[in-house]
Structures are given as structure tokens and as C-alpha cells.
C-alpha atoms as a PDB file:
ATOM      1  CA  MET A   1      53.879 100.129 142.964  1.00  0.00           C
ATOM      2  CA  ASP A   2      51.280  99.726 140.580  1.00  0.00           C
ATOM      3  CA  LEU A   3      50.111 101.476 137.280  1.00  0.00           C
ATOM      4  CA  SER A   4      49.025 104.064 138.888  1.00  0.00           C
ATOM      5  CA  ASN A   5      51.592 105.564 140.850  1.00  0.00           C
ATOM      6  CA  LEU A   6      54.069 105.532 137.719  1.00  0.00           C
ATOM      7  CA  LYS A   7      55.684 108.757 136.829  1.00  0.00           C
ATOM      8  CA  PRO A   8      58.595 109.428 134.312  1.00  0.00           C
ATOM      9  CA  ALA A   9      61.858 110.396 135.987  1.00  0.00           C
ATOM     10  CA  ALA A  10      62.328 114.246 137.584  1.00  0.00           C
ATOM     11  CA  GLY A  11      63.683 116.585 134.715  1.00  0.00           C
ATOM     12  CA  SER A  12      62.858 113.896 131.473  1.00  0.00           C
ATOM     13  CA  VAL A  13      59.519 115.613 130.322  1.00  0.00           C
ATOM     14  CA  LYS A  14      59.465 119.266 129.408  1.00  0.00           C
ATOM     15  CA  THR A  15      56.141 121.240 128.914  1.00  0.00           C
ATOM     16  CA  ARG A  16      56.258 122.928 125.478  1.00  0.00           C
ATOM     17  CA  LYS A  17      56.354 126.630 125.168  1.00  0.00           C
ATOM     18  CA  ARG A  18      52.653 127.985 123.718  1.00  0.00           C
ATOM     19  CA  ILE A  19      53.504 130.790 122.084  1.00  0.00           C
ATOM     20  CA  GLY A  20      51.308 133.358 121.117  1.00  0.00           C
ATOM     21  CA  ARG A  21      47.951 132.543 123.433  1.00  0.00           C
ATOM     22  CA  GLY A  22      48.075 136.044 124.904  1.00  0.00           C
ATOM     23  CA  SER A  23      49.987 138.422 126.841  1.00  0.00           C
ATOM     24  CA  GLY A  24      49.357 136.375 130.177  1.00  0.00           C
ATOM     25  CA  SER A  25      51.417 133.656 128.933  1.00  0.00           C
ATOM     26  CA  GLY A  26      54.918 136.082 128.674  1.00  0.00           C
ATOM     27  CA  LEU A  27      55.091 134.876 125.040  1.00  0.00           C
ATOM     28  CA  GLY A  28      51.840 136.869 123.556  1.00  0.00           C
ATOM     29  CA  GLY A  29      52.215 139.995 121.277  1.00  0.00           C
ATOM     30  CA  THR A  30      54.951 139.642 119.130  1.00  0.00           C
ATOM     31  CA  SER A  31      55.199 135.987 119.498  1.00  0.00           C
ATOM     32  CA  THR A  32      59.262 135.777 120.346  1.00  0.00           C
ATOM     33  CA  ARG A  33      59.587 137.479 116.817  1.00  0.00           C
ATOM     34  CA  GLY A  34      60.763 140.501 118.254  1.00  0.00           C
ATOM     35  CA  HIS A  35      59.584 144.006 116.225  1.00  0.00           C
ATOM     36  CA  LYS A  36      59.405 144.827 112.607  1.00  0.00           C
ATOM     37  CA  GLY A  37      61.305 143.587 109.695  1.00  0.00           C
ATOM     38  CA  ALA A  38      61.344 140.608 107.614  1.00  0.00           C
ATOM     39  CA  GLN A  39      61.507 138.051 109.910  1.00  0.00           C
ATOM     40  CA  SER A  40      58.976 139.314 112.263  1.00  0.00           C
ATOM     41  CA  ARG A  41      56.374 138.786 108.994  1.00  0.00           C
ATOM     42  CA  SER A  42      54.641 135.536 108.248  1.00  0.00           C
ATOM     43  CA  GLY A  43      55.967 133.821 105.175  1.00  0.00           C
ATOM     44  CA  TYR A  44      59.434 135.099 105.159  1.00  0.00           C
ATOM     45  CA  SER A  45      62.417 132.643 104.616  1.00  0.00           C
ATOM     46  CA  ARG A  46      66.005 133.358 104.890  1.00  0.00           C
ATOM     47  CA  LYS A  47      68.156 132.920 101.365  1.00  0.00           C
ATOM     48  CA  VAL A  48      70.474 129.948 101.743  1.00  0.00           C
ATOM     49  CA  GLY A  49      73.878 130.930 103.061  1.00  0.00           C
ATOM     50  CA  PHE A  50      72.411 134.628 103.729  1.00  0.00           C
ATOM     51  CA  GLU A  51      74.154 136.488 106.462  1.00  0.00           C
ATOM     52  CA  GLY A  52      72.057 139.118 107.479  1.00  0.00           C
ATOM     53  CA  GLY A  53      73.360 141.606 104.356  1.00  0.00           C
ATOM     54  CA  GLN A  54      77.475 140.936 105.333  1.00  0.00           C
ATOM     55  CA  MET A  55      79.054 139.266 102.466  1.00  0.00           C
ATOM     56  CA  PRO A  56      78.675 135.882 102.451  1.00  0.00           C
ATOM     57  CA  ILE A  57      81.185 132.949 102.994  1.00  0.00           C
ATOM     58  CA  GLN A  58      80.912 131.575  99.407  1.00  0.00           C
ATOM     59  CA  ARG A  59      81.170 135.302  98.183  1.00  0.00           C
ATOM     60  CA  ARG A  60      84.223 136.408 100.050  1.00  0.00           C
ATOM     61  CA  LEU A  61      86.388 133.193  99.419  1.00  0.00           C
ATOM     62  CA  PRO A  62      87.586 132.857  95.802  1.00  0.00           C
ATOM     63  CA  LYS A  63      87.177 129.969  93.319  1.00  0.00           C
ATOM     64  CA  PHE A  64      90.379 127.605  92.395  1.00  0.00           C
ATOM     65  CA  GLY A  65      90.877 124.767  91.411  1.00  0.00           C
ATOM     66  CA  PHE A  66      89.750 122.037  88.439  1.00  0.00           C
ATOM     67  CA  LYS A  67      88.120 118.492  88.041  1.00  0.00           C
ATOM     68  CA  ASN A  68      90.284 116.861  85.433  1.00  0.00           C
ATOM     69  CA  ILE A  69      87.418 114.815  83.756  1.00  0.00           C
ATOM     70  CA  ASN A  70      90.307 112.371  81.951  1.00  0.00           C
ATOM     71  CA  ARG A  71      91.949 111.050  85.192  1.00  0.00           C
ATOM     72  CA  VAL A  72      92.249 107.902  86.325  1.00  0.00           C
ATOM     73  CA  GLU A  73      92.196 106.525  89.427  1.00  0.00           C
ATOM     74  CA  TYR A  74      93.797 103.290  90.226  1.00  0.00           C
ATOM     75  CA  LYS A  75      93.731 101.046  93.095  1.00  0.00           C
ATOM     76  CA  ALA A  76      97.382 100.260  94.480  1.00  0.00           C
ATOM     77  CA  ILE A  77      98.309  96.758  95.417  1.00  0.00           C
ATOM     78  CA  ASN A  78     101.911  96.169  96.290  1.00  0.00           C
ATOM     79  CA  ILE A  79     104.159  92.445  95.113  1.00  0.00           C
ATOM     80  CA  GLN A  80     103.962  92.071  98.818  1.00  0.00           C
ATOM     81  CA  THR A  81     100.599  91.603  98.767  1.00  0.00           C
ATOM     82  CA  LEU A  82     100.635  89.224  95.753  1.00  0.00           C
ATOM     83  CA  GLU A  83     103.130  87.521  97.396  1.00  0.00           C
ATOM     84  CA  THR A  84     100.971  86.449 100.103  1.00  0.00           C
ATOM     85  CA  LEU A  85      97.944  86.119  98.314  1.00  0.00           C
ATOM     86  CA  ALA A  86     100.385  83.610  96.219  1.00  0.00           C
ATOM     87  CA  THR A  87     101.606  81.984  98.789  1.00  0.00           C
ATOM     88  CA  SER A  88      98.059  81.349 100.652  1.00  0.00           C
ATOM     89  CA  ALA A  89      96.198  80.626  97.961  1.00  0.00           C
ATOM     90  CA  ASN A  90      98.433  78.490  95.911  1.00  0.00           C
ATOM     91  CA  LEU A  91      98.841  80.572  92.501  1.00  0.00           C
ATOM     92  CA  SER A  92     100.597  80.768  89.889  1.00  0.00           C
ATOM     93  CA  LYS A  93      98.114  83.437  87.864  1.00  0.00           C
ATOM     94  CA  ILE A  94      97.070  86.639  89.590  1.00  0.00           C
ATOM     95  CA  GLY A  95      94.758  88.875  87.388  1.00  0.00           C
ATOM     96  CA  ILE A  96      91.670  90.687  88.567  1.00  0.00           C
ATOM     97  CA  GLU A  97      89.572  88.038  89.291  1.00  0.00           C
ATOM     98  CA  GLU A  98      91.712  86.855  91.846  1.00  0.00           C
ATOM     99  CA  LEU A  99      92.025  90.265  93.497  1.00  0.00           C
ATOM    100  CA  LYS A 100      88.408  90.582  93.890  1.00  0.00           C
ATOM    101  CA  SER A 101      87.728  87.383  94.986  1.00  0.00           C
ATOM    102  CA  ALA A 102      90.114  88.063  97.903  1.00  0.00           C
ATOM    103  CA  GLY A 103      88.592  91.006  98.607  1.00  0.00           C
ATOM    104  CA  PHE A 104      91.237  93.601  97.779  1.00  0.00           C
ATOM    105  CA  ILE A 105      89.497  95.347  95.043  1.00  0.00           C
ATOM    106  CA  SER A 106      85.947  96.035  94.260  1.00  0.00           C
ATOM    107  CA  LYS A 107      84.541  95.232  90.478  1.00  0.00           C
ATOM    108  CA  ASN A 108      85.006  98.306  88.700  1.00  0.00           C
ATOM    109  CA  ALA A 109      88.349  98.963  90.122  1.00  0.00           C
ATOM    110  CA  GLN A 110      91.456  99.848  88.008  1.00  0.00           C
ATOM    111  CA  VAL A 111      94.450  98.406  89.799  1.00  0.00           C
ATOM    112  CA  LYS A 112      98.359  99.544  89.660  1.00  0.00           C
ATOM    113  CA  ILE A 113     100.543  97.675  90.987  1.00  0.00           C
ATOM    114  CA  LEU A 114     103.363  99.252  93.043  1.00  0.00           C
ATOM    115  CA  GLY A 115     106.977  97.566  93.973  1.00  0.00           C
ATOM    116  CA  LYS A 116     106.523  97.544  97.947  1.00  0.00           C
ATOM    117  CA  GLY A 117     108.268  94.730  99.100  1.00  0.00           C
ATOM    118  CA  GLU A 118     110.221  91.349  97.687  1.00  0.00           C
ATOM    119  CA  LEU A 119     108.509  89.017  95.144  1.00  0.00           C
ATOM    120  CA  THR A 120     109.773  85.165  95.506  1.00  0.00           C
ATOM    121  CA  ALA A 121     106.924  83.463  93.593  1.00  0.00           C
ATOM    122  CA  THR A 122     107.283  82.984  89.746  1.00  0.00           C
ATOM    123  CA  LEU A 123     103.887  84.562  89.329  1.00  0.00           C
ATOM    124  CA  GLU A 124     102.347  85.706  85.833  1.00  0.00           C
ATOM    125  CA  VAL A 125     100.405  89.147  86.837  1.00  0.00           C
ATOM    126  CA  SER A 126      98.207  90.784  85.031  1.00  0.00           C
ATOM    127  CA  ALA A 127      96.863  94.496  85.485  1.00  0.00           C
ATOM    128  CA  HIS A 128      95.697  97.403  84.118  1.00  0.00           C
ATOM    129  CA  ALA A 129      99.293  99.817  85.218  1.00  0.00           C
ATOM    130  CA  PHE A 130     102.571  98.589  86.671  1.00  0.00           C
ATOM    131  CA  SER A 131     105.238 100.774  88.674  1.00  0.00           C
ATOM    132  CA  LYS A 132     108.955 100.369  87.169  1.00  0.00           C
ATOM    133  CA  SER A 133     109.980  98.929  90.140  1.00  0.00           C
ATOM    134  CA  ALA A 134     106.794  96.513  90.274  1.00  0.00           C
ATOM    135  CA  GLU A 135     107.583  95.582  86.674  1.00  0.00           C
ATOM    136  CA  GLU A 136     111.244  94.409  87.482  1.00  0.00           C
ATOM    137  CA  ALA A 137     110.760  92.709  90.553  1.00  0.00           C
ATOM    138  CA  ILE A 138     108.334  90.382  88.977  1.00  0.00           C
ATOM    139  CA  THR A 139     110.432  89.674  85.904  1.00  0.00           C
ATOM    140  CA  LYS A 140     113.493  89.665  88.127  1.00  0.00           C
ATOM    141  CA  ALA A 141     112.075  86.854  90.149  1.00  0.00           C
ATOM    142  CA  GLY A 142     111.226  84.720  86.882  1.00  0.00           C
ATOM    143  CA  GLY A 143     107.274  85.903  85.974  1.00  0.00           C
ATOM    144  CA  THR A 144     105.624  87.833  83.644  1.00  0.00           C
ATOM    145  CA  VAL A 145     103.972  91.164  83.461  1.00  0.00           C
ATOM    146  CA  VAL A 146     100.444  91.592  81.171  1.00  0.00           C
ATOM    147  CA  LYS A 147      99.277  94.706  80.567  1.00  0.00           C
ATOM    148  CA  LEU A 148      95.593  95.034  80.017  1.00  0.00           C
END
């Protein structure tokens, strides 16, 4: 084997269609564009969403809903997560910075503490919002709640 007898694998290389190169090629004449009509002419470009005259889908479907510009999205964190974070890092205060450094939230996230799980550690927790059950669980364990 040497460079003179190297070939690509069988079926891996296809010859391209040479359109509009005379009637002998089989692809001359209309050059695969059919007869007459806008799509056969040069310079034709179909409108986005055009369905051949049929009522397009964006006009068939009704408009609905709205985006509330005042909506506040919270990143939910349960008290069981706070418990594991407090025991592993040996913390008594848990705030936004501690949650960021632990990788639970991104830098601009608003945090809401939820009440899933049990809390035994006495913690001072600061966050943007708390559920009633989370607030009760934290105060019941001897901790304090700080709303930012």
C-alpha cells in the first residue's frame, strides 16, 4: 500500500448535482424548478411562515396570556439543605454569601427558604423570603429569621 492507491471508502463520496448544464445532463431546461410560478423565477424569496396561501399557523392559533413584568422569581432552598450546609461547614449564620459560595445559588438570585425537612441546628438565616413553615421551624429550633 502506498499513496498512489489510496481511495475513499465505497459510498462515502457523492458527486454533486450540476444543475442547468444542458438538456443532455437531465438537469437542464427548468433546472429542477418546475414550470412557471414565483418559485421558478430568480430573485424569489418566500415570506417567513408562508404556507402556500393556506392560513399560516401563527394566524390560525389565538393569542393568549401575558408576561407579568413585576414577577419576582425566587430560588427555593429547603431547611434540610440549610441543615446539611450548617453541619458540613460548621456555620451558625447562613446568608446569601454562604449559599453562593456553597454553589446553591447564582450571584443575582433571590432566595426563598422553604420548610421541607427538619432543622436541629440553631441558625441565623437571612434570605429574601420565607415560607410560614420554614419560619416556624427555624424559630422552633432556636434560630432567628432575617428578611432582606
